[in-house]
C-alpha atoms as a PDB file:
ATOM      1  CA  MET A   1       2.850  21.294  -2.422  1.00  0.00           C
ATOM      2  CA  LYS A   2       4.927  21.795   0.640  1.00  0.00           C
ATOM      3  CA  ASN A   3       2.329  20.878   3.231  1.00  0.00           C
ATOM      4  CA  CYS A   4       1.022  17.664   1.815  1.00  0.00           C
ATOM      5  CA  PHE A   5       2.742  14.264   1.962  1.00  0.00           C
ATOM      6  CA  ALA A   6       1.613  10.891   0.562  1.00  0.00           C
ATOM      7  CA  LEU A   7       2.448   7.488   2.012  1.00  0.00           C
ATOM      8  CA  ARG A   8       1.901   4.296   0.242  1.00  0.00           C
ATOM      9  CA  ALA A   9       1.010   0.818   1.601  1.00  0.00           C
ATOM     10  CA  ALA A  10      -0.182  -2.435   0.133  1.00  0.00           C
ATOM     11  CA  THR A  11      -1.123  -5.909   1.453  1.00  0.00           C
ATOM     12  CA  THR A  12      -2.796  -9.072   0.247  1.00  0.00           C
ATOM     13  CA  VAL A  13      -5.334 -11.516   1.493  1.00  0.00           C
ATOM     14  CA  ASP A  14      -5.353 -15.240   0.857  1.00  0.00           C
ATOM     15  CA  MET A  15      -9.079 -15.422   0.440  1.00  0.00           C
ATOM     16  CA  ASP A  16     -11.832 -12.989  -0.549  1.00  0.00           C
ATOM     17  CA  SER A  17     -13.632 -12.729   2.709  1.00  0.00           C
ATOM     18  CA  PRO A  18     -14.869  -9.889   4.860  1.00  0.00           C
ATOM     19  CA  ARG A  19     -12.864 -11.067   7.893  1.00  0.00           C
ATOM     20  CA  GLU A  20      -9.597 -11.470   5.894  1.00  0.00           C
ATOM     21  CA  MET A  21     -10.178  -7.989   4.316  1.00  0.00           C
ATOM     22  CA  ASP A  22     -10.771  -6.389   7.732  1.00  0.00           C
ATOM     23  CA  GLU A  23      -7.671  -8.002   9.221  1.00  0.00           C
ATOM     24  CA  ALA A  24      -5.388  -7.186   6.322  1.00  0.00           C
ATOM     25  CA  VAL A  25      -6.516  -3.559   6.062  1.00  0.00           C
ATOM     26  CA  ALA A  26      -6.158  -2.930   9.822  1.00  0.00           C
ATOM     27  CA  GLU A  27      -2.766  -4.540   9.869  1.00  0.00           C
ATOM     28  CA  VAL A  28      -1.330  -2.479   6.990  1.00  0.00           C
ATOM     29  CA  PHE A  29      -2.889   0.800   8.258  1.00  0.00           C
ATOM     30  CA  ASP A  30      -1.577   0.254  11.802  1.00  0.00           C
ATOM     31  CA  GLU A  31       1.867  -0.604  10.481  1.00  0.00           C
ATOM     32  CA  LEU A  32       2.016   2.554   8.224  1.00  0.00           C
ATOM     33  CA  ILE A  33       0.958   4.790  11.170  1.00  0.00           C
ATOM     34  CA  ARG A  34       3.442   3.194  13.491  1.00  0.00           C
ATOM     35  CA  ARG A  35       6.457   3.247  11.070  1.00  0.00           C
ATOM     36  CA  ASN A  36       5.855   6.854  10.299  1.00  0.00           C
ATOM     37  CA  GLY A  37       5.090   8.094  13.807  1.00  0.00           C
ATOM     38  CA  LEU A  38       1.781   9.597  12.702  1.00  0.00           C
ATOM     39  CA  GLU A  39      -1.323  10.664  14.731  1.00  0.00           C
ATOM     40  CA  LEU A  40      -4.678  10.084  13.154  1.00  0.00           C
ATOM     41  CA  ASP A  41      -5.203  13.914  13.213  1.00  0.00           C
ATOM     42  CA  ASP A  42      -2.318  14.181  10.719  1.00  0.00           C
ATOM     43  CA  ILE A  43      -4.275  12.334   8.028  1.00  0.00           C
ATOM     44  CA  ALA A  44      -6.187  14.452   5.467  1.00  0.00           C
ATOM     45  CA  TYR A  45      -7.626  11.687   3.468  1.00  0.00           C
ATOM     46  CA  ILE A  46      -7.070   8.050   2.365  1.00  0.00           C
ATOM     47  CA  ILE A  47      -7.541   6.519  -1.128  1.00  0.00           C
ATOM     48  CA  LEU A  48      -7.808   2.710  -1.201  1.00  0.00           C
ATOM     49  CA  SER A  49      -7.895   0.395  -4.123  1.00  0.00           C
ATOM     50  CA  GLN A  50      -8.470  -3.290  -4.530  1.00  0.00           C
ATOM     51  CA  THR A  51      -7.970  -5.790  -7.319  1.00  0.00           C
ATOM     52  CA  PRO A  52     -11.072  -6.915  -9.192  1.00  0.00           C
ATOM     53  CA  ASP A  53     -11.053 -10.330  -7.523  1.00  0.00           C
ATOM     54  CA  LEU A  54     -12.008  -8.861  -4.190  1.00  0.00           C
ATOM     55  CA  LYS A  55     -15.711  -8.498  -4.113  1.00  0.00           C
ATOM     56  CA  THR A  56     -16.921  -9.351  -0.604  1.00  0.00           C
ATOM     57  CA  ARG A  57     -15.921  -6.134   1.074  1.00  0.00           C
ATOM     58  CA  ASN A  58     -14.988  -2.534   0.128  1.00  0.00           C
ATOM     59  CA  ALA A  59     -11.545  -1.856   1.573  1.00  0.00           C
ATOM     60  CA  ALA A  60     -12.731   1.508   2.890  1.00  0.00           C
ATOM     61  CA  THR A  61     -15.422  -0.258   4.752  1.00  0.00           C
ATOM     62  CA  SER A  62     -12.769  -2.502   6.309  1.00  0.00           C
ATOM     63  CA  LEU A  63     -10.833   0.519   7.380  1.00  0.00           C
ATOM     64  CA  ARG A  64     -13.820   2.337   8.743  1.00  0.00           C
ATOM     65  CA  LYS A  65     -14.602  -0.781  10.877  1.00  0.00           C
ATOM     66  CA  THR A  66     -11.408  -0.247  12.769  1.00  0.00           C
ATOM     67  CA  GLY A  67     -13.010   2.732  14.449  1.00  0.00           C
ATOM     68  CA  LYS A  68      -9.828   4.808  13.732  1.00  0.00           C
ATOM     69  CA  CYS A  69     -11.007   6.693  10.734  1.00  0.00           C
ATOM     70  CA  ASP A  70     -14.352   8.066  11.785  1.00  0.00           C
ATOM     71  CA  ASN A  71     -13.366  11.580  10.800  1.00  0.00           C
ATOM     72  CA  ILE A  72     -11.079  10.865   7.905  1.00  0.00           C
ATOM     73  CA  PRO A  73     -12.468  10.915   4.291  1.00  0.00           C
ATOM     74  CA  LEU A  74     -12.046   7.529   2.686  1.00  0.00           C
ATOM     75  CA  PHE A  75     -12.419   6.591  -1.034  1.00  0.00           C
ATOM     76  CA  CYS A  76     -12.074   3.115  -2.533  1.00  0.00           C
ATOM     77  CA  LEU A  77     -11.791   2.127  -6.109  1.00  0.00           C
ATOM     78  CA  GLN A  78     -11.218  -0.952  -8.173  1.00  0.00           C
ATOM     79  CA  GLU A  79      -7.944  -1.341  -9.954  1.00  0.00           C
ATOM     80  CA  ALA A  80      -7.710  -1.861 -13.663  1.00  0.00           C
ATOM     81  CA  GLU A  81      -7.388  -5.601 -14.541  1.00  0.00           C
ATOM     82  CA  ILE A  82      -3.875  -6.062 -16.047  1.00  0.00           C
ATOM     83  CA  HIS A  83      -2.638  -9.389 -17.382  1.00  0.00           C
ATOM     84  CA  GLY A  84      -0.236 -10.952 -14.966  1.00  0.00           C
ATOM     85  CA  MET A  85      -1.140  -8.663 -12.004  1.00  0.00           C
ATOM     86  CA  LEU A  86      -0.771  -9.893  -8.444  1.00  0.00           C
ATOM     87  CA  ASP A  87      -4.076 -11.073  -7.163  1.00  0.00           C
ATOM     88  CA  HIS A  88      -6.030 -10.194  -3.898  1.00  0.00           C
ATOM     89  CA  VAL A  89      -4.136  -6.901  -3.424  1.00  0.00           C
ATOM     90  CA  ILE A  90      -5.306  -3.943  -1.382  1.00  0.00           C
ATOM     91  CA  ARG A  91      -3.442  -0.657  -1.775  1.00  0.00           C
ATOM     92  CA  MET A  92      -3.648   2.445   0.312  1.00  0.00           C
ATOM     93  CA  LEU A  93      -2.508   6.067  -0.287  1.00  0.00           C
ATOM     94  CA  VAL A  94      -2.536   8.107   2.923  1.00  0.00           C
ATOM     95  CA  VAL A  95      -2.243  11.834   2.414  1.00  0.00           C
ATOM     96  CA  VAL A  96      -1.038  13.600   5.571  1.00  0.00           C
ATOM     97  CA  GLY A  97      -0.582  17.351   6.350  1.00  0.00           C
ATOM     98  CA  ARG A  98       2.929  17.158   7.861  1.00  0.00           C
ATOM     99  CA  PRO A  99       6.057  15.142   7.001  1.00  0.00           C
ATOM    100  CA  PRO A 100       6.542  11.894   8.745  1.00  0.00           C
ATOM    101  CA  GLU A 101       9.138  11.590  11.500  1.00  0.00           C
ATOM    102  CA  GLY A 102      12.428  11.036   9.665  1.00  0.00           C
ATOM    103  CA  GLU A 103      12.330   9.462   6.207  1.00  0.00           C
ATOM    104  CA  ALA A 104       8.875   8.363   4.901  1.00  0.00           C
ATOM    105  CA  LYS A 105       8.454   4.635   5.177  1.00  0.00           C
ATOM    106  CA  MET A 106       6.165   2.894   2.768  1.00  0.00           C
ATOM    107  CA  VAL A 107       4.644  -0.394   3.879  1.00  0.00           C
ATOM    108  CA  TYR A 108       4.292  -3.538   1.707  1.00  0.00           C
ATOM    109  CA  LEU A 109       3.106  -6.586   3.638  1.00  0.00           C
ATOM    110  CA  ARG A 110       2.525 -10.181   2.885  1.00  0.00           C
ATOM    111  CA  ARG A 111       2.675 -11.018  -0.920  1.00  0.00           C
ATOM    112  CA  ALA A 112       2.507  -7.249  -1.710  1.00  0.00           C
ATOM    113  CA  ALA A 113       6.234  -7.041  -0.593  1.00  0.00           C
ATOM    114  CA  SER A 114       6.934  -8.480  -4.063  1.00  0.00           C
ATOM    115  CA  LEU A 115       5.493  -5.302  -5.666  1.00  0.00           C
ATOM    116  CA  ARG A 116       8.244  -3.090  -4.295  1.00  0.00           C
ATOM    117  CA  PRO A 117      11.294  -5.212  -3.350  1.00  0.00           C
ATOM    118  CA  ASP A 118      13.308  -1.994  -3.219  1.00  0.00           C
ATOM    119  CA  LEU A 119      11.323  -0.875  -0.174  1.00  0.00           C
ATOM    120  CA  LYS A 120      11.911  -4.013   1.797  1.00  0.00           C
ATOM    121  CA  VAL A 121      11.979  -3.390   5.610  1.00  0.00           C
ATOM    122  CA  GLU A 122      14.640  -4.901   7.672  1.00  0.00           C
END
């Protein structure tokens, strides 16, 4: 598909609390938008996932609470529980209708940076 691009992001929280979920989701979303020079109108939809140990808030609810995604379809799912997986992780797949400015920049914040050390940001 030539007119569809996907950007990945992930972050972690220290504790499973609505406040921490809200802050972490807003931070990683804002950073992904900033680094890729996107406008909210560029976004077709967003898929979020969270590890099974996060139960106090749906990550899509956290993103919706920012007020930035009122007209963007959001979907959240729970990740499969895999032995040895990193805990308290929230992932985001943002599908946009135009290429980002320059090279696409994926965003891995906090402990999630260990998931993709090859994408470390300077």
